[in-house]
Amino acid sequence: MTIGTATRVFLARLSGIRVFDPNGDKVGRVRDAVVVLRIGANPPRLTGLVVEVASRRRIFVPMTKVTAIDASQVIVTGTVNLRRFEKRPNETLLIGELLDRSVHMRQADEDVTILDVAAEKAVTRDWFITELFVRRPGSGLRRRGATLVIDWDQVSGLSLPASTQPAEQLLATLDTMRPADIANVLHDLTPQRRLDVARALDDERLADVIEELADDDRVELVSALEAERAADVLEEMDPADAADLLSDLPPEQAEDLLELIEPDEAEDLRRLLSYDEFSAGGMMTSEPIVLPPDATVAEALAQIRKPDLSPALASQVYVARPPTETPTGRYLGTCHFQQLLREPPSTLVSAIVDVNLAPVGPDTPLNVITRLFAAYNLVALPVVDESDHLLGAVTIDDVIDHMLPDGWRDNDDDAEGGA
């Protein structure tokens, strides 16, 4: 399915259009868009779409999962959370609340009515409201006012005063920071202030930040979140990090959260929790790039280009018989990204697999894995079971994280000394 990919969209026009997954299967139809108003000169952020699926259930699809938009369809990728959408206090529904709202156009000193809003994708992959399609007041009987497109900041009424949302001013500062830096900021906040900021972050952003928090901080934060919100965030986390976090929670709380997580993802997490923390199974991610043997080099390169992949995970593609979801069919070998760059796009990955990179079993201990990484200059290593089914991959960042002492994230002196 080939479609155009828009980076600027008038959102009201999306209402009712169909949503598909990458295979062309229908997910549902767009019914609304979720916008977060912000302070001062910070434009409102488009965080996701409300999509109506089977049984007229409405779910939330984050914009980070939207890969393409045109006039007739939206394409989404990855696992879509089918939990019923519930609007949070800091969110505004475009169709339900913004359209037909009266705002004041400062330059003309008159009130105008919002008919539509345009969202634009920034280089950071975030979507922001940049323009408004508005109607000016009419004059005389039965006369409709003229319509025009204006920049969002030409009106008052789409920004929040600092007093309305305590975390908003801080969130504006955090917008351009990396997750590890945001985690450092949160560490220094009071528990209540930390919770205020966490509640205002979208699920994927919060998941990235929690992965960088010290163990005590993330346990405290997840325990303070509402259970369904905590489950949503766990679903967005790297499975290995989510499993580590669940293992640090009281068993009853961890089980309650697993019951709220989508069954397929919960099954992956339960499998990871069954392994020792300092074994290959306990460190691995269960979501490496896996392709069938008849996939092409072009398809493999498209997979490793995904911006949300870590460099270590993007360094190689694993080839296995279907199914390609872990645990896969029989593992066949690994394709390194440098080898992929040297081959014609039409070459099958099965023709260039490296069969010399021996996988490890899930019970392989950390000391053995570290020696393998050091001896062969590895950045990632496949993990298979006794039947040669691929279970996941251990990456170099997983190994380093487990080699460092407890509390290393809080040790600023060591970090500065190594600079």
Protein backbone atom coordinates (compact mmCIF):
# COMPACT_ATOMS: atom_id res chain seq x y z
CA MET A 1 0.00 0.00 0.00
CA THR A 2 1.67 3.23 -1.15
CA ILE A 3 0.46 6.51 0.22
CA GLY A 4 1.73 10.02 0.73
CA THR A 5 3.15 10.96 4.09
CA ALA A 6 1.91 14.36 5.25
CA THR A 7 3.89 16.47 7.71
CA ARG A 8 1.14 19.12 7.96
CA VAL A 9 -2.48 18.09 8.43
CA PHE A 10 -5.77 19.88 9.09
CA LEU A 11 -7.12 17.66 11.82
CA ALA A 12 -10.90 18.03 11.49
CA ARG A 13 -10.59 16.60 7.96
CA LEU A 14 -9.28 13.35 9.44
CA SER A 15 -12.59 12.63 11.18
CA GLY A 16 -14.11 9.43 9.85
CA ILE A 17 -11.18 8.34 7.67
CA ARG A 18 -9.94 4.78 7.96
CA VAL A 19 -6.92 3.63 9.95
CA PHE A 20 -4.86 0.68 8.71
CA ASP A 21 -1.91 -1.33 9.97
CA PRO A 22 1.17 -1.80 7.69
CA ASN A 23 -0.34 -5.00 6.22
CA GLY A 24 -3.42 -3.15 4.99
CA ASP A 25 -5.77 -4.56 7.65
CA LYS A 26 -8.31 -2.07 8.95
CA VAL A 27 -7.84 -0.94 12.55
CA GLY A 28 -10.78 1.46 12.74
CA ARG A 29 -11.76 5.06 11.95
CA VAL A 30 -10.50 8.38 13.30
CA ARG A 31 -13.07 10.03 15.58
CA ASP A 32 -11.07 12.79 17.28
CA ALA A 33 -7.59 14.09 18.04
CA VAL A 34 -6.02 14.70 21.46
CA VAL A 35 -4.29 18.04 22.06
CA VAL A 36 -2.38 19.28 25.10
CA LEU A 37 -2.45 23.06 25.66
CA ARG A 38 0.76 24.55 27.03
CA ILE A 39 2.11 27.71 28.60
CA GLY A 40 2.97 30.97 26.81
CA ALA A 41 4.70 30.74 23.44
CA ASN A 42 4.78 26.94 23.46
CA PRO A 43 2.35 25.67 20.78
CA PRO A 44 -0.28 23.08 21.70
CA ARG A 45 0.97 19.53 21.19
CA LEU A 46 -0.92 16.90 19.20
CA THR A 47 -0.34 13.70 21.18
CA GLY A 48 -2.53 11.19 19.36
CA LEU A 49 -5.76 10.19 17.64
CA VAL A 50 -8.95 8.74 19.08
CA VAL A 51 -9.79 5.76 16.87
CA GLU A 52 -13.05 3.83 16.90
CA VAL A 53 -12.44 0.10 16.54
CA ALA A 54 -14.78 -2.90 16.57
CA SER A 55 -17.79 -2.79 18.93
CA ARG A 56 -17.63 1.01 18.73
CA ARG A 57 -14.86 1.06 21.33
CA ARG A 58 -12.69 4.18 21.17
CA ILE A 59 -8.97 3.79 21.79
CA PHE A 60 -5.98 6.14 21.86
CA VAL A 61 -3.29 5.84 19.16
CA PRO A 62 -0.15 7.92 19.92
CA MET A 63 1.24 10.03 17.07
CA THR A 64 4.52 8.16 17.50
CA LYS A 65 2.74 5.10 16.06
CA VAL A 66 1.35 7.04 13.07
CA THR A 67 3.68 6.44 10.12
CA ALA A 68 1.71 7.97 7.25
CA ILE A 69 -1.31 10.21 6.65
CA ASP A 70 -3.13 11.26 3.50
CA ALA A 71 -6.60 12.51 2.64
CA SER A 72 -8.19 9.06 2.83
CA GLN A 73 -6.28 6.97 5.35
CA VAL A 74 -3.92 6.80 8.30
CA ILE A 75 -1.28 4.08 8.65
CA VAL A 76 -0.14 2.99 12.12
CA THR A 77 2.61 0.62 13.15
CA GLY A 78 3.44 -1.44 16.20
CA THR A 79 1.10 -2.86 18.82
CA VAL A 80 -2.01 -0.75 19.37
CA ASN A 81 -3.37 -0.66 22.91
CA LEU A 82 -7.05 -1.63 22.73
CA ARG A 83 -7.92 -0.28 26.18
CA ARG A 84 -10.84 2.14 26.07
CA PHE A 85 -9.74 5.78 25.72
CA GLU A 86 -10.26 8.01 28.74
CA LYS A 87 -9.34 11.68 28.51
CA ARG A 88 -6.84 12.89 31.11
CA PRO A 89 -7.14 16.23 32.93
CA ASN A 90 -4.41 17.93 30.86
CA GLU A 91 -5.88 16.85 27.50
CA THR A 92 -8.31 18.59 25.14
CA LEU A 93 -10.33 16.89 22.41
CA LEU A 94 -10.09 18.71 19.11
CA ILE A 95 -13.56 17.96 17.72
CA GLY A 96 -15.28 17.64 21.06
CA GLU A 97 -13.85 20.78 22.68
CA LEU A 98 -11.74 22.98 20.37
CA LEU A 99 -13.84 23.29 17.23
CA ASP A 100 -16.40 26.09 17.36
CA ARG A 101 -14.55 27.60 20.31
CA SER A 102 -14.46 31.40 20.29
CA VAL A 103 -10.98 32.90 20.68
CA HIS A 104 -9.73 36.47 20.45
CA MET A 105 -7.62 37.48 17.44
CA ARG A 106 -5.33 40.10 18.88
CA GLN A 107 -4.23 42.00 15.77
CA ALA A 108 -7.80 42.55 14.51
CA ASP A 109 -9.13 42.92 18.08
CA GLU A 110 -12.11 40.68 17.40
CA ASP A 111 -13.42 37.28 18.40
CA VAL A 112 -13.20 34.50 15.80
CA THR A 113 -14.50 30.92 15.74
CA ILE A 114 -12.17 27.94 15.25
CA LEU A 115 -13.28 25.75 12.33
CA ASP A 116 -10.15 23.57 12.07
CA VAL A 117 -6.55 23.43 13.22
CA ALA A 118 -3.38 22.42 11.37
CA ALA A 119 -0.79 20.22 13.04
CA GLU A 120 2.77 20.01 11.78
CA LYS A 121 5.45 17.40 12.44
CA ALA A 122 8.67 18.82 13.89
CA VAL A 123 12.17 17.44 13.37
CA THR A 124 11.87 15.87 16.82
CA ARG A 125 8.93 13.77 15.47
CA ASP A 126 6.56 15.62 17.82
CA TRP A 127 3.40 17.15 16.32
CA PHE A 128 2.41 20.73 17.20
CA ILE A 129 -0.58 22.92 16.36
CA THR A 130 0.80 25.63 14.05
CA GLU A 131 -2.21 27.23 12.32
CA LEU A 132 -5.93 27.82 12.81
CA PHE A 133 -8.68 27.94 10.22
CA VAL A 134 -11.12 30.49 11.67
CA ARG A 135 -14.28 32.40 10.80
CA ARG A 136 -14.62 36.10 11.48
CA PRO A 137 -17.95 37.44 12.76
CA GLY A 138 -20.53 38.24 10.08
CA SER A 139 -22.37 41.51 9.65
CA GLY A 140 -26.03 41.93 8.90
CA LEU A 141 -28.74 39.31 8.80
CA ARG A 142 -27.82 35.81 7.56
CA ARG A 143 -24.32 36.87 6.57
CA ARG A 144 -21.48 34.57 7.42
CA GLY A 145 -18.11 36.05 8.19
CA ALA A 146 -15.02 35.53 6.08
CA THR A 147 -12.71 32.59 6.78
CA LEU A 148 -8.94 32.72 6.98
CA VAL A 149 -5.91 30.77 8.14
CA ILE A 150 -3.80 32.35 10.88
CA ASP A 151 -0.86 31.31 13.05
CA TRP A 152 -1.93 29.74 16.32
CA ASP A 153 -0.18 32.42 18.40
CA GLN A 154 -2.23 35.25 16.85
CA VAL A 155 -5.10 34.41 19.18
CA SER A 156 -5.52 34.31 22.93
CA GLY A 157 -7.24 31.33 24.45
CA LEU A 158 -4.96 28.47 23.34
CA SER A 159 -2.31 28.88 26.01
CA LEU A 160 -2.47 28.00 29.67
CA PRO A 161 -1.58 30.42 32.45
CA ALA A 162 1.16 28.98 34.65
CA SER A 163 -1.22 28.77 37.60
CA THR A 164 -3.56 26.32 35.87
CA GLN A 165 -1.11 23.45 35.64
CA PRO A 166 1.82 23.35 38.09
CA ALA A 167 3.96 21.03 35.98
CA GLU A 168 3.44 22.82 32.68
CA GLN A 169 6.19 25.41 32.99
CA LEU A 170 8.70 22.70 33.85
CA LEU A 171 7.41 20.53 30.99
CA ALA A 172 8.09 23.34 28.53
CA THR A 173 11.71 23.34 29.73
CA LEU A 174 11.95 19.55 29.43
CA ASP A 175 10.62 19.43 25.85
CA THR A 176 14.02 19.34 24.16
CA MET A 177 15.90 17.33 26.80
CA ARG A 178 16.97 13.72 26.45
CA PRO A 179 15.23 11.12 28.66
CA ALA A 180 18.36 10.56 30.78
CA ASP A 181 18.60 14.31 31.48
CA ILE A 182 14.89 14.50 32.33
CA ALA A 183 15.40 11.59 34.75
CA ASN A 184 18.13 13.59 36.50
CA VAL A 185 15.75 16.54 36.83
CA LEU A 186 12.96 14.36 38.23
CA HIS A 187 15.34 12.81 40.75
CA ASP A 188 15.84 16.23 42.37
CA LEU A 189 12.11 17.04 42.61
CA THR A 190 9.82 16.37 45.53
CA PRO A 191 7.72 13.20 45.14
CA GLN A 192 4.54 15.20 44.49
CA ARG A 193 6.20 17.46 41.92
CA ARG A 194 7.75 14.40 40.25
CA LEU A 195 4.30 12.82 40.04
CA ASP A 196 2.78 16.01 38.59
CA VAL A 197 5.35 16.01 35.78
CA ALA A 198 4.95 12.27 35.14
CA ARG A 199 1.18 12.58 34.82
CA ALA A 200 1.58 15.35 32.25
CA LEU A 201 4.02 13.42 30.03
CA ASP A 202 2.60 11.17 27.32
CA ASP A 203 3.02 7.41 27.77
CA GLU A 204 5.99 6.91 25.41
CA ARG A 205 7.93 9.88 26.75
CA LEU A 206 7.31 8.80 30.34
CA ALA A 207 8.37 5.25 29.49
CA ASP A 208 11.68 6.51 28.08
CA VAL A 209 12.27 8.60 31.21
CA ILE A 210 11.39 5.80 33.66
CA GLU A 211 13.92 3.54 31.92
CA GLU A 212 16.59 6.07 32.91
CA LEU A 213 15.52 6.56 36.53
CA ALA A 214 17.25 4.95 39.48
CA ASP A 215 15.49 1.83 40.79
CA ASP A 216 14.06 3.49 43.91
CA ASP A 217 12.75 6.50 41.97
CA ARG A 218 10.98 4.48 39.31
CA VAL A 219 9.42 2.08 41.81
CA GLU A 220 8.11 5.04 43.81
CA LEU A 221 6.81 6.78 40.70
CA VAL A 222 5.06 3.77 39.16
CA SER A 223 3.53 2.91 42.54
CA ALA A 224 2.09 6.45 42.75
CA LEU A 225 0.55 6.39 39.27
CA GLU A 226 -2.97 5.13 38.69
CA ALA A 227 -2.82 1.39 37.94
CA GLU A 228 -4.15 1.65 34.36
CA ARG A 229 -1.76 4.50 33.55
CA ALA A 230 1.16 2.52 34.99
CA ALA A 231 0.17 -0.47 32.82
CA ASP A 232 0.04 1.75 29.72
CA VAL A 233 3.54 3.06 30.45
CA LEU A 234 4.92 -0.44 31.07
CA GLU A 235 3.61 -1.48 27.64
CA GLU A 236 5.63 1.33 26.05
CA MET A 237 8.87 0.44 27.86
CA ASP A 238 11.55 -1.85 26.51
CA PRO A 239 10.41 -5.32 27.68
CA ALA A 240 13.66 -5.97 29.55
CA ASP A 241 13.36 -2.69 31.47
CA ALA A 242 9.68 -3.31 32.15
CA ALA A 243 10.46 -6.77 33.51
CA ASP A 244 13.22 -5.36 35.73
CA LEU A 245 10.80 -2.78 37.10
CA LEU A 246 8.08 -5.35 37.74
CA SER A 247 10.57 -7.53 39.60
CA ASP A 248 11.30 -4.61 41.97
CA LEU A 249 7.62 -4.09 42.81
CA PRO A 250 5.74 -6.04 45.49
CA PRO A 251 4.55 -9.32 43.90
CA GLU A 252 0.86 -8.46 44.36
CA GLN A 253 1.24 -5.08 42.66
CA ALA A 254 3.29 -6.58 39.82
CA GLU A 255 0.62 -9.22 39.22
CA ASP A 256 -2.15 -6.61 39.23
CA LEU A 257 -0.28 -4.60 36.57
CA LEU A 258 0.34 -7.69 34.45
CA GLU A 259 -3.41 -8.36 34.47
CA LEU A 260 -3.99 -4.87 33.02
CA ILE A 261 -1.36 -5.19 30.27
CA GLU A 262 -2.32 -6.53 26.84
CA PRO A 263 -2.17 -10.38 27.01
CA ASP A 264 0.55 -10.83 24.36
CA GLU A 265 2.83 -8.29 26.02
CA ALA A 266 2.08 -9.65 29.48
CA GLU A 267 3.10 -13.11 28.26
CA ASP A 268 6.46 -11.72 27.07
CA LEU A 269 7.02 -10.03 30.42
CA ARG A 270 6.15 -13.15 32.41
CA ARG A 271 8.68 -15.09 30.34
CA LEU A 272 11.38 -12.50 31.03
CA LEU A 273 10.54 -12.53 34.74
CA SER A 274 11.13 -16.29 34.83
CA TYR A 275 14.87 -15.82 34.18
CA ASP A 276 17.57 -14.79 36.62
CA GLU A 277 18.26 -11.04 36.42
CA PHE A 278 21.95 -11.59 35.63
CA SER A 279 21.42 -14.16 32.90
CA ALA A 280 20.99 -13.69 29.16
CA GLY A 281 17.24 -14.23 29.51
CA GLY A 282 17.00 -11.67 32.30
CA MET A 283 18.93 -9.03 30.34
CA MET A 284 17.63 -9.55 26.81
CA THR A 285 15.00 -7.57 24.98
CA SER A 286 12.27 -9.71 23.45
CA GLU A 287 11.76 -7.26 20.56
CA PRO A 288 14.83 -7.39 18.28
CA ILE A 289 14.46 -7.00 14.51
CA VAL A 290 13.43 -10.39 13.13
CA LEU A 291 12.79 -11.11 9.45
CA PRO A 292 11.85 -14.29 7.56
CA PRO A 293 14.43 -15.81 5.18
CA ASP A 294 12.61 -14.51 2.08
CA ALA A 295 12.88 -10.87 3.18
CA THR A 296 15.15 -8.62 1.12
CA VAL A 297 18.06 -6.40 2.06
CA ALA A 298 15.83 -3.41 1.26
CA GLU A 299 13.28 -4.58 3.84
CA ALA A 300 16.03 -5.14 6.42
CA LEU A 301 17.46 -1.65 5.89
CA ALA A 302 13.99 -0.16 6.25
CA GLN A 303 13.67 -1.88 9.64
CA ILE A 304 16.99 -0.67 11.03
CA ARG A 305 16.24 2.91 9.96
CA LYS A 306 13.43 3.20 12.51
CA PRO A 307 14.40 6.16 14.73
CA ASP A 308 13.11 4.63 17.98
CA LEU A 309 15.61 1.75 17.81
CA SER A 310 18.74 1.94 19.91
CA PRO A 311 22.02 1.83 17.93
CA ALA A 312 22.80 -1.60 19.39
CA LEU A 313 19.46 -3.11 18.32
CA ALA A 314 19.77 -1.49 14.88
CA SER A 315 23.21 -3.01 14.36
CA GLN A 316 21.90 -6.37 13.20
CA VAL A 317 18.86 -8.20 11.92
CA TYR A 318 17.99 -11.73 13.01
CA VAL A 319 16.69 -14.22 10.44
CA ALA A 320 14.28 -16.93 11.55
CA ARG A 321 11.53 -19.13 10.19
CA PRO A 322 7.99 -17.83 10.87
CA PRO A 323 6.59 -16.81 13.21
CA THR A 324 8.87 -13.79 13.50
CA GLU A 325 7.48 -12.71 16.87
CA THR A 326 9.56 -14.09 19.74
CA PRO A 327 9.78 -16.95 20.43
CA THR A 328 10.24 -17.37 16.70
CA GLY A 329 10.52 -20.35 14.43
CA ARG A 330 13.96 -21.88 13.95
CA TYR A 331 16.75 -19.31 14.18
CA LEU A 332 18.87 -19.21 11.00
CA GLY A 333 21.48 -16.53 11.60
CA THR A 334 22.30 -12.84 11.82
CA CYS A 335 22.71 -10.10 9.21
CA HIS A 336 25.02 -7.26 10.27
CA PHE A 337 24.06 -3.79 9.09
CA GLN A 338 27.45 -3.20 7.42
CA GLN A 339 26.94 -6.33 5.34
CA LEU A 340 23.45 -5.13 4.42
CA LEU A 341 24.91 -1.86 3.14
CA ARG A 342 27.24 -3.75 0.80
CA GLU A 343 24.57 -5.88 -0.89
CA PRO A 344 22.06 -5.08 -3.68
CA PRO A 345 18.61 -4.18 -2.25
CA SER A 346 16.97 -7.21 -3.90
CA THR A 347 19.30 -9.74 -2.24
CA LEU A 348 17.55 -12.11 0.18
CA VAL A 349 18.72 -11.88 3.78
CA SER A 350 18.97 -15.68 3.89
CA ALA A 351 21.81 -15.47 1.36
CA ILE A 352 24.01 -13.31 3.60
CA VAL A 353 23.33 -14.55 7.13
CA ASP A 354 26.30 -14.92 9.46
CA VAL A 355 26.11 -18.42 10.89
CA ASN A 356 29.41 -18.06 12.76
CA LEU A 357 27.94 -15.83 15.48
CA ALA A 358 26.88 -18.51 17.93
CA PRO A 359 23.78 -17.63 19.97
CA VAL A 360 23.58 -18.18 23.72
CA GLY A 361 20.93 -19.83 25.86
CA PRO A 362 18.71 -17.83 28.21
CA ASP A 363 20.44 -19.21 31.31
CA THR A 364 23.93 -18.09 30.21
CA PRO A 365 25.38 -16.06 33.13
CA LEU A 366 26.61 -12.47 32.92
CA ASN A 367 30.32 -13.34 33.29
CA VAL A 368 30.18 -15.60 30.21
CA ILE A 369 28.29 -12.98 28.19
CA THR A 370 30.76 -10.21 29.06
CA ARG A 371 33.68 -12.38 27.89
CA LEU A 372 31.91 -13.07 24.59
CA PHE A 373 31.22 -9.38 24.01
CA ALA A 374 34.83 -8.49 24.79
CA ALA A 375 36.42 -11.33 22.82
CA TYR A 376 34.43 -10.77 19.63
CA ASN A 377 33.79 -7.00 19.84
CA LEU A 378 30.03 -7.53 19.87
CA VAL A 379 27.28 -4.97 20.25
CA ALA A 380 24.42 -7.53 20.37
CA LEU A 381 24.03 -11.27 20.78
CA PRO A 382 21.06 -13.52 19.92
CA VAL A 383 19.43 -15.66 22.62
CA VAL A 384 17.79 -18.98 21.67
CA ASP A 385 16.11 -21.82 23.52
CA GLU A 386 17.02 -25.51 23.35
CA SER A 387 14.94 -25.89 20.15
CA ASP A 388 16.73 -23.02 18.37
CA HIS A 389 13.80 -20.62 18.65
CA LEU A 390 14.97 -17.01 18.94
CA LEU A 391 13.88 -15.56 22.28
CA GLY A 392 15.50 -12.14 22.06
CA ALA A 393 18.83 -10.34 22.01
CA VAL A 394 21.25 -9.05 24.62
CA THR A 395 22.76 -5.67 23.70
CA ILE A 396 25.94 -4.01 24.91
CA ASP A 397 23.99 -1.39 26.88
CA ASP A 398 22.18 -4.21 28.74
CA VAL A 399 25.55 -5.77 29.63
CA ILE A 400 27.08 -2.50 30.84
CA ASP A 401 23.97 -1.68 32.88
CA HIS A 402 24.25 -5.01 34.71
CA MET A 403 28.00 -4.67 35.24
CA LEU A 404 27.73 -1.28 36.96
CA PRO A 405 27.17 -1.17 40.73
CA ASP A 406 23.78 -0.45 42.27
CA GLY A 407 23.02 3.26 42.40
CA TRP A 408 25.42 4.16 39.58
CA ARG A 409 22.87 6.61 38.13
CA ASP A 410 23.10 8.68 41.30
CA ASN A 411 26.91 8.82 41.40
CA ASP A 412 27.64 12.17 39.75
CA ASP A 413 31.27 12.15 40.89
CA ASP A 414 32.05 9.04 38.86
CA ALA A 415 30.32 10.48 35.81
CA GLU A 416 32.31 13.70 36.03
CA GLY A 417 35.55 11.88 36.66
CA GLY A 418 35.15 9.90 33.45
CA ALA A 419 34.44 12.98 31.35
